[in-house]
Amino acid sequence: SILQQKFQRAIDDQLSSPASSLELLLAFSLGGLLRGLVIAVLTFAAASLLVDLPVEHVFVLVPSLLLVGFFFAQLGVLVGVRAEQFDDVSFAQTFVLQPLIFLGGVFYSATLLPEPFETLTQFNPVYYMIGLVRYGFLGYTEANVAVSLAFLTLATLALFAVNWRMFATGYKLRA
C-alpha cells in the first residue's frame, strides 16, 4: 500500500497531516499485520475442515504468529518505502525473502547442514519463525523457544527502528 500511495502521490497528504512519523508507521504496520492475521485465520479454518491440526502450545503459537506478522509488516514497509518501482518489490521477494525461506529449515533440519551453513542458518530470522510455529503446532523445535522469541523480537525491533527513522526523515517518501 505504501508503494501505491507513493505512485499516486497520496502519501503526500498523510505526510502533511498532523500525524507523527510514529503514528504513520504504526498505521501502515498494523494494517499489514491485520491483513496477515486475517489470511492466517482463514487458512487455519479452511485447513481445519480438511485435516486434524494439532495445536500443542497455543500460548507460544499466538504470540509467535503476532510477532511473525509484525516482522513481515515491518519488512513490507521497508520494501515499500525503499522501492522506486514495482520491480523493486519483486527483486526483494525473489532475492531476499525467497532465499531466507528456503534456507530457514522449512524443508530440512538445519542440524543436518555442514559447517559453516548450520551456523549461518542461526542468523536467519525465518529459521526462528519456522521453529516457533512448528513448536506451537507440533511441540517440536530445533532452537530454544526463548532464544527464538528473543531473536525474532530483536530483529522486529531493529526493522521497526529503521522504518521509524525513514518515516521521521521522509526518506524516499517526500517529493
C-alpha atoms as a PDB file:
ATOM      1  CA  SER A   1       0.000   0.000   0.000  1.00  0.00           C
ATOM      2  CA  ILE A   2       2.920   2.367   0.594  1.00  0.00           C
ATOM      3  CA  LEU A   3       4.253   1.867  -2.921  1.00  0.00           C
ATOM      4  CA  GLN A   4       0.835   2.504  -4.460  1.00  0.00           C
ATOM      5  CA  GLN A   5       0.427   5.645  -2.394  1.00  0.00           C
ATOM      6  CA  LYS A   6       3.864   6.846  -3.457  1.00  0.00           C
ATOM      7  CA  PHE A   7       2.994   6.394  -7.138  1.00  0.00           C
ATOM      8  CA  GLN A   8      -0.403   8.029  -6.770  1.00  0.00           C
ATOM      9  CA  ARG A   9       1.117  10.835  -4.661  1.00  0.00           C
ATOM     10  CA  ALA A  10      -1.496  10.103  -1.987  1.00  0.00           C
ATOM     11  CA  ILE A  11       1.188   9.649   0.641  1.00  0.00           C
ATOM     12  CA  ASP A  12       1.894  13.387   0.486  1.00  0.00           C
ATOM     13  CA  ASP A  13      -1.449  14.027   2.189  1.00  0.00           C
ATOM     14  CA  GLN A  14      -0.613  11.637   5.009  1.00  0.00           C
ATOM     15  CA  LEU A  15       2.879  13.047   5.457  1.00  0.00           C
ATOM     16  CA  SER A  16       1.489  16.583   5.709  1.00  0.00           C
ATOM     17  CA  SER A  17      -1.175  15.544   8.230  1.00  0.00           C
ATOM     18  CA  PRO A  18      -0.690  16.221  11.943  1.00  0.00           C
ATOM     19  CA  ALA A  19       0.037  12.515  12.491  1.00  0.00           C
ATOM     20  CA  SER A  20       3.555  11.869  13.735  1.00  0.00           C
ATOM     21  CA  SER A  21       6.007   9.617  11.940  1.00  0.00           C
ATOM     22  CA  LEU A  22       5.466   7.001  14.643  1.00  0.00           C
ATOM     23  CA  GLU A  23       1.692   7.121  14.167  1.00  0.00           C
ATOM     24  CA  LEU A  24       2.016   6.772  10.400  1.00  0.00           C
ATOM     25  CA  LEU A  25       4.422   3.853  10.766  1.00  0.00           C
ATOM     26  CA  LEU A  26       2.131   2.132  13.252  1.00  0.00           C
ATOM     27  CA  ALA A  27      -0.852   2.632  10.936  1.00  0.00           C
ATOM     28  CA  PHE A  28       0.919   1.003   7.988  1.00  0.00           C
ATOM     29  CA  SER A  29       2.385  -1.717  10.219  1.00  0.00           C
ATOM     30  CA  LEU A  30      -0.855  -2.613  11.950  1.00  0.00           C
ATOM     31  CA  GLY A  31      -2.636  -2.640   8.591  1.00  0.00           C
ATOM     32  CA  GLY A  32      -0.099  -5.153   7.302  1.00  0.00           C
ATOM     33  CA  LEU A  33      -0.364  -7.204  10.490  1.00  0.00           C
ATOM     34  CA  LEU A  34      -4.159  -7.274  10.278  1.00  0.00           C
ATOM     35  CA  ARG A  35      -4.098  -8.430   6.640  1.00  0.00           C
ATOM     36  CA  GLY A  36      -1.682 -11.206   7.575  1.00  0.00           C
ATOM     37  CA  LEU A  37      -3.759 -12.301  10.565  1.00  0.00           C
ATOM     38  CA  VAL A  38      -6.965 -12.442   8.515  1.00  0.00           C
ATOM     39  CA  ILE A  39      -5.245 -14.640   5.934  1.00  0.00           C
ATOM     40  CA  ALA A  40      -3.745 -16.848   8.670  1.00  0.00           C
ATOM     41  CA  VAL A  41      -7.089 -17.332  10.429  1.00  0.00           C
ATOM     42  CA  LEU A  42      -8.909 -18.114   7.172  1.00  0.00           C
ATOM     43  CA  THR A  43      -6.171 -20.554   6.125  1.00  0.00           C
ATOM     44  CA  PHE A  44      -6.257 -22.265   9.526  1.00  0.00           C
ATOM     45  CA  ALA A  45     -10.059 -22.501   9.418  1.00  0.00           C
ATOM     46  CA  ALA A  46     -10.037 -23.992   5.916  1.00  0.00           C
ATOM     47  CA  ALA A  47      -7.276 -26.447   6.793  1.00  0.00           C
ATOM     48  CA  SER A  48      -9.099 -27.475   9.986  1.00  0.00           C
ATOM     49  CA  LEU A  49     -12.068 -28.534   7.882  1.00  0.00           C
ATOM     50  CA  LEU A  50      -9.870 -30.881   5.857  1.00  0.00           C
ATOM     51  CA  VAL A  51      -7.451 -32.318   8.422  1.00  0.00           C
ATOM     52  CA  ASP A  52      -6.991 -32.516  12.162  1.00  0.00           C
ATOM     53  CA  LEU A  53      -4.488 -29.790  13.059  1.00  0.00           C
ATOM     54  CA  PRO A  54      -2.785 -30.260  16.406  1.00  0.00           C
ATOM     55  CA  VAL A  55      -2.005 -27.174  18.449  1.00  0.00           C
ATOM     56  CA  GLU A  56       0.383 -28.288  21.166  1.00  0.00           C
ATOM     57  CA  HIS A  57       1.407 -24.928  22.659  1.00  0.00           C
ATOM     58  CA  VAL A  58      -1.189 -22.255  21.977  1.00  0.00           C
ATOM     59  CA  PHE A  59       0.490 -19.787  24.383  1.00  0.00           C
ATOM     60  CA  VAL A  60       3.640 -19.934  22.272  1.00  0.00           C
ATOM     61  CA  LEU A  61       1.853 -20.095  18.924  1.00  0.00           C
ATOM     62  CA  VAL A  62      -0.327 -16.983  19.280  1.00  0.00           C
ATOM     63  CA  PRO A  63       2.434 -14.554  20.362  1.00  0.00           C
ATOM     64  CA  SER A  64       4.751 -16.103  17.782  1.00  0.00           C
ATOM     65  CA  LEU A  65       2.255 -15.553  14.972  1.00  0.00           C
ATOM     66  CA  LEU A  66       1.720 -11.956  16.098  1.00  0.00           C
ATOM     67  CA  LEU A  67       5.469 -11.380  16.173  1.00  0.00           C
ATOM     68  CA  VAL A  68       5.983 -13.040  12.784  1.00  0.00           C
ATOM     69  CA  GLY A  69       3.157 -10.964  11.331  1.00  0.00           C
ATOM     70  CA  PHE A  70       4.591  -7.738  12.732  1.00  0.00           C
ATOM     71  CA  PHE A  71       8.071  -8.650  11.447  1.00  0.00           C
ATOM     72  CA  PHE A  72       6.755  -9.148   7.919  1.00  0.00           C
ATOM     73  CA  ALA A  73       4.671  -5.978   8.188  1.00  0.00           C
ATOM     74  CA  GLN A  74       7.902  -4.125   9.010  1.00  0.00           C
ATOM     75  CA  LEU A  75       9.668  -5.818   6.122  1.00  0.00           C
ATOM     76  CA  GLY A  76       6.816  -4.807   3.822  1.00  0.00           C
ATOM     77  CA  VAL A  77       7.027  -1.197   4.995  1.00  0.00           C
ATOM     78  CA  LEU A  78      10.796  -1.202   4.455  1.00  0.00           C
ATOM     79  CA  VAL A  79      10.488  -2.583   0.929  1.00  0.00           C
ATOM     80  CA  GLY A  80       7.593  -0.257   0.118  1.00  0.00           C
ATOM     81  CA  VAL A  81       9.448   2.845   1.253  1.00  0.00           C
ATOM     82  CA  ARG A  82      12.699   1.947  -0.494  1.00  0.00           C
ATOM     83  CA  ALA A  83      11.074   0.769  -3.731  1.00  0.00           C
ATOM     84  CA  GLU A  84      11.032   3.237  -6.577  1.00  0.00           C
ATOM     85  CA  GLN A  85       9.119   0.979  -8.956  1.00  0.00           C
ATOM     86  CA  PHE A  86       7.127  -2.226  -8.717  1.00  0.00           C
ATOM     87  CA  ASP A  87      10.086  -4.274  -9.978  1.00  0.00           C
ATOM     88  CA  ASP A  88      11.971  -3.359  -6.798  1.00  0.00           C
ATOM     89  CA  VAL A  89       9.351  -5.235  -4.778  1.00  0.00           C
ATOM     90  CA  SER A  90       9.778  -8.314  -6.983  1.00  0.00           C
ATOM     91  CA  PHE A  91      13.537  -8.049  -6.547  1.00  0.00           C
ATOM     92  CA  ALA A  92      13.177  -8.102  -2.750  1.00  0.00           C
ATOM     93  CA  GLN A  93      10.800 -11.069  -2.870  1.00  0.00           C
ATOM     94  CA  THR A  94      12.977 -13.054  -5.263  1.00  0.00           C
ATOM     95  CA  PHE A  95      16.469 -12.338  -3.993  1.00  0.00           C
ATOM     96  CA  VAL A  96      15.919 -11.658  -0.290  1.00  0.00           C
ATOM     97  CA  LEU A  97      12.746 -13.274   1.004  1.00  0.00           C
ATOM     98  CA  GLN A  98      12.697 -16.484  -1.029  1.00  0.00           C
ATOM     99  CA  PRO A  99      16.288 -17.495  -0.138  1.00  0.00           C
ATOM    100  CA  LEU A 100      15.625 -16.745   3.540  1.00  0.00           C
ATOM    101  CA  ILE A 101      12.595 -19.037   3.428  1.00  0.00           C
ATOM    102  CA  PHE A 102      14.363 -21.841   1.555  1.00  0.00           C
ATOM    103  CA  LEU A 103      17.388 -21.609   3.855  1.00  0.00           C
ATOM    104  CA  GLY A 104      15.272 -21.347   7.000  1.00  0.00           C
ATOM    105  CA  GLY A 105      14.791 -25.036   7.664  1.00  0.00           C
ATOM    106  CA  VAL A 106      11.302 -25.489   6.225  1.00  0.00           C
ATOM    107  CA  PHE A 107      12.242 -28.484   4.113  1.00  0.00           C
ATOM    108  CA  TYR A 108      15.134 -29.909   6.136  1.00  0.00           C
ATOM    109  CA  SER A 109      16.656 -29.971   9.578  1.00  0.00           C
ATOM    110  CA  ALA A 110      19.237 -27.233   9.998  1.00  0.00           C
ATOM    111  CA  THR A 111      21.261 -29.565  12.217  1.00  0.00           C
ATOM    112  CA  LEU A 112      21.992 -31.703   9.147  1.00  0.00           C
ATOM    113  CA  LEU A 113      23.813 -28.855   7.402  1.00  0.00           C
ATOM    114  CA  PRO A 114      27.606 -28.872   7.306  1.00  0.00           C
ATOM    115  CA  GLU A 115      29.522 -26.010   8.872  1.00  0.00           C
ATOM    116  CA  PRO A 116      29.530 -23.047   8.252  1.00  0.00           C
ATOM    117  CA  PHE A 117      25.968 -23.323   6.889  1.00  0.00           C
ATOM    118  CA  GLU A 118      24.496 -24.583  10.155  1.00  0.00           C
ATOM    119  CA  THR A 119      25.926 -21.545  11.940  1.00  0.00           C
ATOM    120  CA  LEU A 120      24.840 -19.151   9.175  1.00  0.00           C
ATOM    121  CA  THR A 121      21.296 -20.504   9.430  1.00  0.00           C
ATOM    122  CA  GLN A 122      21.176 -19.293  13.023  1.00  0.00           C
ATOM    123  CA  PHE A 123      21.358 -15.692  11.766  1.00  0.00           C
ATOM    124  CA  ASN A 124      18.272 -16.163   9.592  1.00  0.00           C
ATOM    125  CA  PRO A 125      15.138 -14.787  11.312  1.00  0.00           C
ATOM    126  CA  VAL A 126      12.944 -17.106   9.222  1.00  0.00           C
ATOM    127  CA  TYR A 127      14.678 -20.084  10.881  1.00  0.00           C
ATOM    128  CA  TYR A 128      13.359 -18.910  14.250  1.00  0.00           C
ATOM    129  CA  MET A 129       9.898 -18.150  12.856  1.00  0.00           C
ATOM    130  CA  ILE A 130       9.617 -21.649  11.461  1.00  0.00           C
ATOM    131  CA  GLY A 131      10.853 -23.135  14.719  1.00  0.00           C
ATOM    132  CA  LEU A 132       8.351 -21.179  16.806  1.00  0.00           C
ATOM    133  CA  VAL A 133       5.372 -22.022  14.613  1.00  0.00           C
ATOM    134  CA  ARG A 134       6.455 -25.662  14.378  1.00  0.00           C
ATOM    135  CA  TYR A 135       6.749 -25.779  18.173  1.00  0.00           C
ATOM    136  CA  GLY A 136       3.338 -24.157  18.618  1.00  0.00           C
ATOM    137  CA  PHE A 137       1.635 -26.672  16.351  1.00  0.00           C
ATOM    138  CA  LEU A 138       3.688 -29.845  16.774  1.00  0.00           C
ATOM    139  CA  GLY A 139       5.618 -29.382  20.012  1.00  0.00           C
ATOM    140  CA  TYR A 140       8.996 -29.781  18.270  1.00  0.00           C
ATOM    141  CA  THR A 141      11.714 -27.245  17.564  1.00  0.00           C
ATOM    142  CA  GLU A 142      15.445 -27.328  16.943  1.00  0.00           C
ATOM    143  CA  ALA A 143      16.099 -23.969  18.562  1.00  0.00           C
ATOM    144  CA  ASN A 144      15.397 -22.900  22.112  1.00  0.00           C
ATOM    145  CA  VAL A 145      11.958 -21.248  22.277  1.00  0.00           C
ATOM    146  CA  ALA A 146      13.130 -18.371  24.491  1.00  0.00           C
ATOM    147  CA  VAL A 147      16.124 -17.705  22.222  1.00  0.00           C
ATOM    148  CA  SER A 148      13.856 -17.827  19.171  1.00  0.00           C
ATOM    149  CA  LEU A 149      11.412 -15.342  20.695  1.00  0.00           C
ATOM    150  CA  ALA A 150      14.257 -13.049  21.761  1.00  0.00           C
ATOM    151  CA  PHE A 151      15.976 -13.163  18.356  1.00  0.00           C
ATOM    152  CA  LEU A 152      12.741 -12.532  16.489  1.00  0.00           C
ATOM    153  CA  THR A 153      11.796  -9.701  18.846  1.00  0.00           C
ATOM    154  CA  LEU A 154      15.185  -8.034  18.348  1.00  0.00           C
ATOM    155  CA  ALA A 155      15.005  -8.446  14.567  1.00  0.00           C
ATOM    156  CA  THR A 156      11.499  -6.961  14.530  1.00  0.00           C
ATOM    157  CA  LEU A 157      12.540  -4.037  16.739  1.00  0.00           C
ATOM    158  CA  ALA A 158      15.546  -3.382  14.503  1.00  0.00           C
ATOM    159  CA  LEU A 159      13.321  -3.234  11.413  1.00  0.00           C
ATOM    160  CA  PHE A 160      10.860  -1.022  13.277  1.00  0.00           C
ATOM    161  CA  ALA A 161      13.665   1.373  14.262  1.00  0.00           C
ATOM    162  CA  VAL A 162      14.920   1.574  10.670  1.00  0.00           C
ATOM    163  CA  ASN A 163      11.390   2.218   9.411  1.00  0.00           C
ATOM    164  CA  TRP A 164      10.730   4.828  12.081  1.00  0.00           C
ATOM    165  CA  ARG A 165      13.905   6.639  11.070  1.00  0.00           C
ATOM    166  CA  MET A 166      12.863   6.550   7.396  1.00  0.00           C
ATOM    167  CA  PHE A 167       9.441   7.970   8.246  1.00  0.00           C
ATOM    168  CA  ALA A 168      10.935  10.619  10.525  1.00  0.00           C
ATOM    169  CA  THR A 169      13.345  11.838   7.843  1.00  0.00           C
ATOM    170  CA  GLY A 170      10.939  11.338   4.937  1.00  0.00           C
ATOM    171  CA  TYR A 171      13.447   9.060   3.174  1.00  0.00           C
ATOM    172  CA  LYS A 172      12.072   8.313  -0.323  1.00  0.00           C
ATOM    173  CA  LEU A 173       8.653   9.445   0.853  1.00  0.00           C
ATOM    174  CA  ARG A 174       8.734  13.160   0.239  1.00  0.00           C
ATOM    175  CA  ALA A 175       8.834  14.569  -3.277  1.00  0.00           C
END
